[in-house]
Amino acid sequence: MRGITRWRGFAASAAVPFSSIRQPTDAIGRTAVELLAEELDVWHRRHRAVVYTPELVIRQSTAGTASPAKHHTRTTARVLSG
């Protein structure tokens, strides 16, 4: 399944297009090169973490919120004779 999840456009081309997560791959690639260049520069050894916010791509497989479930309470009584 790993290869399928990396195929661009797979989620949109499924029989029922399913929701997926879009990563900012161009920005991730640029930042990776910048971080590598910083690591190679012996005078510029600052370490930093970069966090990107993914985008939720909502398609037909996502339904609205479900209505609250109705809970039916069944009361059971035990009669103890003494």
PDB file of N, CA and C in Angstrom:
ATOM      1  N   MET A   1       0.819  -1.195   0.000  1.00  0.00           N
ATOM      2  CA  MET A   1       0.000   0.000   0.000  1.00  0.00           C
ATOM      3  C   MET A   1       0.858   1.251   0.000  1.00  0.00           C
ATOM      4  N   ARG A   2       2.099   1.151   0.425  1.00  0.00           N
ATOM      5  CA  ARG A   2       2.954   2.331   0.515  1.00  0.00           C
ATOM      6  C   ARG A   2       3.093   3.027  -0.838  1.00  0.00           C
ATOM      7  N   GLY A   3       3.306   2.278  -1.906  1.00  0.00           N
ATOM      8  CA  GLY A   3       3.462   2.877  -3.225  1.00  0.00           C
ATOM      9  C   GLY A   3       2.204   3.564  -3.713  1.00  0.00           C
ATOM     10  N   ILE A   4       1.049   2.997  -3.399  1.00  0.00           N
ATOM     11  CA  ILE A   4      -0.216   3.586  -3.839  1.00  0.00           C
ATOM     12  C   ILE A   4      -0.447   4.935  -3.179  1.00  0.00           C
ATOM     13  N   THR A   5      -0.107   5.059  -1.924  1.00  0.00           N
ATOM     14  CA  THR A   5      -0.365   6.318  -1.229  1.00  0.00           C
ATOM     15  C   THR A   5       0.523   7.440  -1.742  1.00  0.00           C
ATOM     16  N   ARG A   6       1.596   7.094  -2.420  1.00  0.00           N
ATOM     17  CA  ARG A   6       2.491   8.127  -2.942  1.00  0.00           C
ATOM     18  C   ARG A   6       2.194   8.490  -4.391  1.00  0.00           C
ATOM     19  N   TRP A   7       1.234   7.838  -5.007  1.00  0.00           N
ATOM     20  CA  TRP A   7       0.892   8.114  -6.388  1.00  0.00           C
ATOM     21  C   TRP A   7       0.031   9.359  -6.435  1.00  0.00           C
ATOM     22  N   ARG A   8       0.532  10.379  -7.094  1.00  0.00           N
ATOM     23  CA  ARG A   8      -0.217  11.631  -7.175  1.00  0.00           C
ATOM     24  C   ARG A   8      -1.507  11.438  -7.947  1.00  0.00           C
ATOM     25  N   GLY A   9      -2.569  11.927  -7.411  1.00  0.00           N
ATOM     26  CA  GLY A   9      -3.852  11.844  -8.083  1.00  0.00           C
ATOM     27  C   GLY A   9      -4.631  10.577  -7.792  1.00  0.00           C
ATOM     28  N   PHE A  10      -4.059   9.662  -7.028  1.00  0.00           N
ATOM     29  CA  PHE A  10      -4.753   8.405  -6.738  1.00  0.00           C
ATOM     30  C   PHE A  10      -6.055   8.649  -5.991  1.00  0.00           C
ATOM     31  N   ALA A  11      -6.018   9.497  -4.979  1.00  0.00           N
ATOM     32  CA  ALA A  11      -7.212   9.744  -4.158  1.00  0.00           C
ATOM     33  C   ALA A  11      -8.339  10.324  -4.995  1.00  0.00           C
ATOM     34  N   ALA A  12      -8.013  11.208  -5.906  1.00  0.00           N
ATOM     35  CA  ALA A  12      -9.043  11.849  -6.723  1.00  0.00           C
ATOM     36  C   ALA A  12      -9.569  10.928  -7.813  1.00  0.00           C
ATOM     37  N   SER A  13      -8.766   9.936  -8.247  1.00  0.00           N
ATOM     38  CA  SER A  13      -9.180   9.088  -9.357  1.00  0.00           C
ATOM     39  C   SER A  13      -9.832   7.776  -8.917  1.00  0.00           C
ATOM     40  N   ALA A  14     -10.004   7.566  -7.634  1.00  0.00           N
ATOM     41  CA  ALA A  14     -10.646   6.345  -7.140  1.00  0.00           C
ATOM     42  C   ALA A  14     -12.122   6.337  -7.545  1.00  0.00           C
ATOM     43  N   ALA A  15     -12.759   5.162  -7.490  1.00  0.00           N
ATOM     44  CA  ALA A  15     -14.178   5.053  -7.850  1.00  0.00           C
ATOM     45  C   ALA A  15     -15.013   6.056  -7.064  1.00  0.00           C
ATOM     46  N   VAL A  16     -14.772   6.143  -5.782  1.00  0.00           N
ATOM     47  CA  VAL A  16     -15.352   7.206  -4.956  1.00  0.00           C
ATOM     48  C   VAL A  16     -14.151   8.019  -4.480  1.00  0.00           C
ATOM     49  N   PRO A  17     -13.958   9.218  -5.035  1.00  0.00           N
ATOM     50  CA  PRO A  17     -12.788  10.007  -4.645  1.00  0.00           C
ATOM     51  C   PRO A  17     -12.737  10.194  -3.129  1.00  0.00           C
ATOM     52  N   PHE A  18     -11.655   9.744  -2.506  1.00  0.00           N
ATOM     53  CA  PHE A  18     -11.588   9.818  -1.056  1.00  0.00           C
ATOM     54  C   PHE A  18     -10.705  10.967  -0.590  1.00  0.00           C
ATOM     55  N   SER A  19     -10.991  11.439   0.597  1.00  0.00           N
ATOM     56  CA  SER A  19     -10.260  12.557   1.183  1.00  0.00           C
ATOM     57  C   SER A  19      -8.812  12.162   1.431  1.00  0.00           C
ATOM     58  N   SER A  20      -7.940  13.139   1.376  1.00  0.00           N
ATOM     59  CA  SER A  20      -6.518  12.866   1.570  1.00  0.00           C
ATOM     60  C   SER A  20      -5.838  14.087   2.182  1.00  0.00           C
ATOM     61  N   ILE A  21      -4.567  13.951   2.429  1.00  0.00           N
ATOM     62  CA  ILE A  21      -3.761  15.033   2.991  1.00  0.00           C
ATOM     63  C   ILE A  21      -2.788  15.498   1.912  1.00  0.00           C
ATOM     64  N   ARG A  22      -2.750  16.792   1.682  1.00  0.00           N
ATOM     65  CA  ARG A  22      -1.800  17.353   0.723  1.00  0.00           C
ATOM     66  C   ARG A  22      -0.646  17.985   1.492  1.00  0.00           C
ATOM     67  N   GLN A  23       0.556  17.543   1.194  1.00  0.00           N
ATOM     68  CA  GLN A  23       1.762  18.085   1.818  1.00  0.00           C
ATOM     69  C   GLN A  23       2.357  19.151   0.900  1.00  0.00           C
ATOM     70  N   PRO A  24       2.939  20.209   1.455  1.00  0.00           N
ATOM     71  CA  PRO A  24       3.581  21.234   0.620  1.00  0.00           C
ATOM     72  C   PRO A  24       4.953  20.734   0.136  1.00  0.00           C
ATOM     73  N   THR A  25       4.954  19.814  -0.830  1.00  0.00           N
ATOM     74  CA  THR A  25       6.186  19.132  -1.230  1.00  0.00           C
ATOM     75  C   THR A  25       7.243  20.074  -1.793  1.00  0.00           C
ATOM     76  N   ASP A  26       6.849  21.095  -2.545  1.00  0.00           N
ATOM     77  CA  ASP A  26       7.840  22.040  -3.081  1.00  0.00           C
ATOM     78  C   ASP A  26       8.559  22.764  -1.949  1.00  0.00           C
ATOM     79  N   ALA A  27       7.798  23.250  -0.983  1.00  0.00           N
ATOM     80  CA  ALA A  27       8.388  23.960   0.158  1.00  0.00           C
ATOM     81  C   ALA A  27       9.258  23.022   0.991  1.00  0.00           C
ATOM     82  N   ILE A  28       8.827  21.773   1.162  1.00  0.00           N
ATOM     83  CA  ILE A  28       9.613  20.799   1.921  1.00  0.00           C
ATOM     84  C   ILE A  28      10.950  20.550   1.219  1.00  0.00           C
ATOM     85  N   GLY A  29      10.930  20.421  -0.100  1.00  0.00           N
ATOM     86  CA  GLY A  29      12.161  20.203  -0.860  1.00  0.00           C
ATOM     87  C   GLY A  29      13.115  21.385  -0.763  1.00  0.00           C
ATOM     88  N   ARG A  30      12.582  22.599  -0.924  1.00  0.00           N
ATOM     89  CA  ARG A  30      13.427  23.801  -0.813  1.00  0.00           C
ATOM     90  C   ARG A  30      14.057  23.897   0.571  1.00  0.00           C
ATOM     91  N   THR A  31      13.255  23.658   1.594  1.00  0.00           N
ATOM     92  CA  THR A  31      13.760  23.746   2.963  1.00  0.00           C
ATOM     93  C   THR A  31      14.809  22.675   3.229  1.00  0.00           C
ATOM     94  N   ALA A  32      14.620  21.488   2.680  1.00  0.00           N
ATOM     95  CA  ALA A  32      15.605  20.418   2.864  1.00  0.00           C
ATOM     96  C   ALA A  32      16.963  20.835   2.300  1.00  0.00           C
ATOM     97  N   VAL A  33      16.955  21.470   1.135  1.00  0.00           N
ATOM     98  CA  VAL A  33      18.207  21.935   0.532  1.00  0.00           C
ATOM     99  C   VAL A  33      18.828  23.031   1.389  1.00  0.00           C
ATOM    100  N   GLU A  34      18.010  23.965   1.876  1.00  0.00           N
ATOM    101  CA  GLU A  34      18.517  25.036   2.747  1.00  0.00           C
ATOM    102  C   GLU A  34      19.139  24.464   4.021  1.00  0.00           C
ATOM    103  N   LEU A  35      18.456  23.519   4.647  1.00  0.00           N
ATOM    104  CA  LEU A  35      18.968  22.922   5.881  1.00  0.00           C
ATOM    105  C   LEU A  35      20.272  22.165   5.634  1.00  0.00           C
ATOM    106  N   LEU A  36      20.344  21.472   4.514  1.00  0.00           N
ATOM    107  CA  LEU A  36      21.570  20.752   4.178  1.00  0.00           C
ATOM    108  C   LEU A  36      22.720  21.733   3.955  1.00  0.00           C
ATOM    109  N   ALA A  37      22.451  22.829   3.242  1.00  0.00           N
ATOM    110  CA  ALA A  37      23.487  23.841   3.009  1.00  0.00           C
ATOM    111  C   ALA A  37      23.952  24.445   4.332  1.00  0.00           C
ATOM    112  N   GLU A  38      23.024  24.677   5.248  1.00  0.00           N
ATOM    113  CA  GLU A  38      23.387  25.209   6.565  1.00  0.00           C
ATOM    114  C   GLU A  38      24.265  24.222   7.330  1.00  0.00           C
ATOM    115  N   GLU A  39      23.971  22.934   7.225  1.00  0.00           N
ATOM    116  CA  GLU A  39      24.765  21.916   7.915  1.00  0.00           C
ATOM    117  C   GLU A  39      26.179  21.831   7.340  1.00  0.00           C
ATOM    118  N   LEU A  40      26.321  22.081   6.054  1.00  0.00           N
ATOM    119  CA  LEU A  40      27.632  22.002   5.415  1.00  0.00           C
ATOM    120  C   LEU A  40      28.496  23.228   5.708  1.00  0.00           C
ATOM    121  N   ASP A  41      27.872  24.331   6.079  1.00  0.00           N
ATOM    122  CA  ASP A  41      28.596  25.564   6.397  1.00  0.00           C
ATOM    123  C   ASP A  41      29.107  25.473   7.836  1.00  0.00           C
ATOM    124  N   VAL A  42      30.429  25.297   7.989  1.00  0.00           N
ATOM    125  CA  VAL A  42      30.986  25.102   9.333  1.00  0.00           C
ATOM    126  C   VAL A  42      30.815  26.327  10.225  1.00  0.00           C
ATOM    127  N   TRP A  43      30.669  27.497   9.670  1.00  0.00           N
ATOM    128  CA  TRP A  43      30.526  28.723  10.467  1.00  0.00           C
ATOM    129  C   TRP A  43      29.069  28.999  10.820  1.00  0.00           C
ATOM    130  N   HIS A  44      28.190  28.276  10.242  1.00  0.00           N
ATOM    131  CA  HIS A  44      26.757  28.558  10.425  1.00  0.00           C
ATOM    132  C   HIS A  44      26.048  27.309  10.926  1.00  0.00           C
ATOM    133  N   ARG A  45      26.436  26.813  12.068  1.00  0.00           N
ATOM    134  CA  ARG A  45      25.889  25.558  12.593  1.00  0.00           C
ATOM    135  C   ARG A  45      24.701  25.782  13.510  1.00  0.00           C
ATOM    136  N   ARG A  46      23.670  26.382  13.046  1.00  0.00           N
ATOM    137  CA  ARG A  46      22.469  26.483  13.880  1.00  0.00           C
ATOM    138  C   ARG A  46      21.511  25.374  13.438  1.00  0.00           C
ATOM    139  N   HIS A  47      20.917  24.763  14.375  1.00  0.00           N
ATOM    140  CA  HIS A  47      19.962  23.697  14.083  1.00  0.00           C
ATOM    141  C   HIS A  47      18.567  24.249  14.308  1.00  0.00           C
ATOM    142  N   ARG A  48      17.693  23.931  13.408  1.00  0.00           N
ATOM    143  CA  ARG A  48      16.316  24.399  13.559  1.00  0.00           C
ATOM    144  C   ARG A  48      15.356  23.329  13.060  1.00  0.00           C
ATOM    145  N   ALA A  49      14.186  23.399  13.604  1.00  0.00           N
ATOM    146  CA  ALA A  49      13.122  22.482  13.187  1.00  0.00           C
ATOM    147  C   ALA A  49      12.129  23.263  12.341  1.00  0.00           C
ATOM    148  N   VAL A  50      11.654  22.642  11.308  1.00  0.00           N
ATOM    149  CA  VAL A  50      10.675  23.271  10.431  1.00  0.00           C
ATOM    150  C   VAL A  50       9.439  22.384  10.422  1.00  0.00           C
ATOM    151  N   VAL A  51       8.297  22.976  10.688  1.00  0.00           N
ATOM    152  CA  VAL A  51       7.035  22.230  10.714  1.00  0.00           C
ATOM    153  C   VAL A  51       6.096  22.853   9.689  1.00  0.00           C
ATOM    154  N   TYR A  52       5.562  22.034   8.830  1.00  0.00           N
ATOM    155  CA  TYR A  52       4.607  22.500   7.830  1.00  0.00           C
ATOM    156  C   TYR A  52       3.210  22.042   8.208  1.00  0.00           C
ATOM    157  N   THR A  53       2.243  22.814   7.825  1.00  0.00           N
ATOM    158  CA  THR A  53       0.852  22.453   8.071  1.00  0.00           C
ATOM    159  C   THR A  53       0.299  21.791   6.814  1.00  0.00           C
ATOM    160  N   PRO A  54      -0.119  20.533   6.910  1.00  0.00           N
ATOM    161  CA  PRO A  54      -0.697  19.873   5.743  1.00  0.00           C
ATOM    162  C   PRO A  54      -2.098  20.414   5.473  1.00  0.00           C
ATOM    163  N   GLU A  55      -2.589  20.147   4.288  1.00  0.00           N
ATOM    164  CA  GLU A  55      -3.928  20.599   3.903  1.00  0.00           C
ATOM    165  C   GLU A  55      -4.834  19.381   3.737  1.00  0.00           C
ATOM    166  N   LEU A  56      -5.982  19.418   4.359  1.00  0.00           N
ATOM    167  CA  LEU A  56      -6.959  18.342   4.212  1.00  0.00           C
ATOM    168  C   LEU A  56      -7.745  18.583   2.932  1.00  0.00           C
ATOM    169  N   VAL A  57      -7.703  17.622   2.016  1.00  0.00           N
ATOM    170  CA  VAL A  57      -8.434  17.717   0.759  1.00  0.00           C
ATOM    171  C   VAL A  57      -9.685  16.862   0.911  1.00  0.00           C
ATOM    172  N   ILE A  58     -10.819  17.509   1.061  1.00  0.00           N
ATOM    173  CA  ILE A  58     -12.078  16.799   1.303  1.00  0.00           C
ATOM    174  C   ILE A  58     -12.732  16.458  -0.034  1.00  0.00           C
ATOM    175  N   ARG A  59     -13.023  15.166  -0.204  1.00  0.00           N
ATOM    176  CA  ARG A  59     -13.675  14.703  -1.425  1.00  0.00           C
ATOM    177  C   ARG A  59     -14.961  13.959  -1.056  1.00  0.00           C
ATOM    178  N   GLN A  60     -15.524  13.241  -2.019  1.00  0.00           N
ATOM    179  CA  GLN A  60     -16.840  12.612  -1.845  1.00  0.00           C
ATOM    180  C   GLN A  60     -16.889  11.540  -0.766  1.00  0.00           C
ATOM    181  N   SER A  61     -15.770  11.010  -0.354  1.00  0.00           N
ATOM    182  CA  SER A  61     -15.796   9.952   0.656  1.00  0.00           C
ATOM    183  C   SER A  61     -16.061  10.496   2.053  1.00  0.00           C
ATOM    184  N   THR A  62     -16.031  11.802   2.204  1.00  0.00           N
ATOM    185  CA  THR A  62     -16.244  12.408   3.515  1.00  0.00           C
ATOM    186  C   THR A  62     -17.690  12.871   3.633  1.00  0.00           C
ATOM    187  N   ALA A  63     -18.340  12.400   4.664  1.00  0.00           N
ATOM    188  CA  ALA A  63     -19.723  12.799   4.910  1.00  0.00           C
ATOM    189  C   ALA A  63     -19.737  13.874   5.982  1.00  0.00           C
ATOM    190  N   GLY A  64     -20.872  14.466   6.175  1.00  0.00           N
ATOM    191  CA  GLY A  64     -21.016  15.450   7.239  1.00  0.00           C
ATOM    192  C   GLY A  64     -20.981  14.772   8.598  1.00  0.00           C
ATOM    193  N   THR A  65     -21.164  15.547   9.610  1.00  0.00           N
ATOM    194  CA  THR A  65     -21.147  14.983  10.956  1.00  0.00           C
ATOM    195  C   THR A  65     -22.392  14.135  11.183  1.00  0.00           C
ATOM    196  N   ALA A  66     -22.218  13.080  11.915  1.00  0.00           N
ATOM    197  CA  ALA A  66     -23.328  12.180  12.215  1.00  0.00           C
ATOM    198  C   ALA A  66     -24.199  12.780  13.299  1.00  0.00           C
ATOM    199  N   SER A  67     -25.469  12.438  13.248  1.00  0.00           N
ATOM    200  CA  SER A  67     -26.354  12.905  14.312  1.00  0.00           C
ATOM    201  C   SER A  67     -26.060  12.087  15.566  1.00  0.00           C
ATOM    202  N   PRO A  68     -26.306  12.657  16.722  1.00  0.00           N
ATOM    203  CA  PRO A  68     -26.020  11.932  17.966  1.00  0.00           C
ATOM    204  C   PRO A  68     -26.782  10.607  18.013  1.00  0.00           C
ATOM    205  N   ALA A  69     -26.110   9.582  18.467  1.00  0.00           N
ATOM    206  CA  ALA A  69     -26.740   8.262  18.566  1.00  0.00           C
ATOM    207  C   ALA A  69     -27.789   8.275  19.663  1.00  0.00           C
ATOM    208  N   LYS A  70     -28.862   7.555  19.411  1.00  0.00           N
ATOM    209  CA  LYS A  70     -29.905   7.440  20.431  1.00  0.00           C
ATOM    210  C   LYS A  70     -29.539   6.280  21.332  1.00  0.00           C
ATOM    211  N   HIS A  71     -29.468   6.548  22.598  1.00  0.00           N
ATOM    212  CA  HIS A  71     -29.120   5.513  23.566  1.00  0.00           C
ATOM    213  C   HIS A  71     -30.399   4.981  24.199  1.00  0.00           C
ATOM    214  N   HIS A  72     -30.591   3.696  24.055  1.00  0.00           N
ATOM    215  CA  HIS A  72     -31.736   3.052  24.685  1.00  0.00           C
ATOM    216  C   HIS A  72     -31.229   2.379  25.954  1.00  0.00           C
ATOM    217  N   THR A  73     -31.722   2.831  27.054  1.00  0.00           N
ATOM    218  CA  THR A  73     -31.290   2.269  28.327  1.00  0.00           C
ATOM    219  C   THR A  73     -32.248   1.168  28.728  1.00  0.00           C
ATOM    220  N   ARG A  74     -31.683   0.016  28.993  1.00  0.00           N
ATOM    221  CA  ARG A  74     -32.504  -1.095  29.438  1.00  0.00           C
ATOM    222  C   ARG A  74     -32.250  -1.273  30.926  1.00  0.00           C
ATOM    223  N   THR A  75     -33.311  -1.232  31.694  1.00  0.00           N
ATOM    224  CA  THR A  75     -33.177  -1.412  33.133  1.00  0.00           C
ATOM    225  C   THR A  75     -33.437  -2.864  33.466  1.00  0.00           C
ATOM    226  N   THR A  76     -32.508  -3.465  34.146  1.00  0.00           N
ATOM    227  CA  THR A  76     -32.687  -4.847  34.577  1.00  0.00           C
ATOM    228  C   THR A  76     -32.730  -4.864  36.090  1.00  0.00           C
ATOM    229  N   ALA A  77     -33.676  -5.605  36.598  1.00  0.00           N
ATOM    230  CA  ALA A  77     -33.795  -5.693  38.062  1.00  0.00           C
ATOM    231  C   ALA A  77     -33.626  -7.140  38.471  1.00  0.00           C
ATOM    232  N   ARG A  78     -32.955  -7.334  39.542  1.00  0.00           N
ATOM    233  CA  ARG A  78     -32.828  -8.673  40.117  1.00  0.00           C
ATOM    234  C   ARG A  78     -33.559  -8.661  41.445  1.00  0.00           C
ATOM    235  N   VAL A  79     -34.380  -9.659  41.636  1.00  0.00           N
ATOM    236  CA  VAL A  79     -35.112  -9.764  42.899  1.00  0.00           C
ATOM    237  C   VAL A  79     -34.375 -10.764  43.773  1.00  0.00           C
ATOM    238  N   LEU A  80     -34.003 -10.316  44.933  1.00  0.00           N
ATOM    239  CA  LEU A  80     -33.315 -11.195  45.878  1.00  0.00           C
ATOM    240  C   LEU A  80     -34.307 -11.631  46.940  1.00  0.00           C
ATOM    241  N   SER A  81     -34.451 -12.915  47.100  1.00  0.00           N
ATOM    242  CA  SER A  81     -35.344 -13.383  48.164  1.00  0.00           C
ATOM    243  C   SER A  81     -34.499 -13.726  49.377  1.00  0.00           C
ATOM    244  N   GLY A  82     -35.006 -13.428  50.495  1.00  0.00           N
ATOM    245  CA  GLY A  82     -34.206 -13.589  51.686  1.00  0.00           C
ATOM    246  C   GLY A  82     -34.763 -14.462  52.645  1.00  0.00           C
TER     247      GLY A  82
END
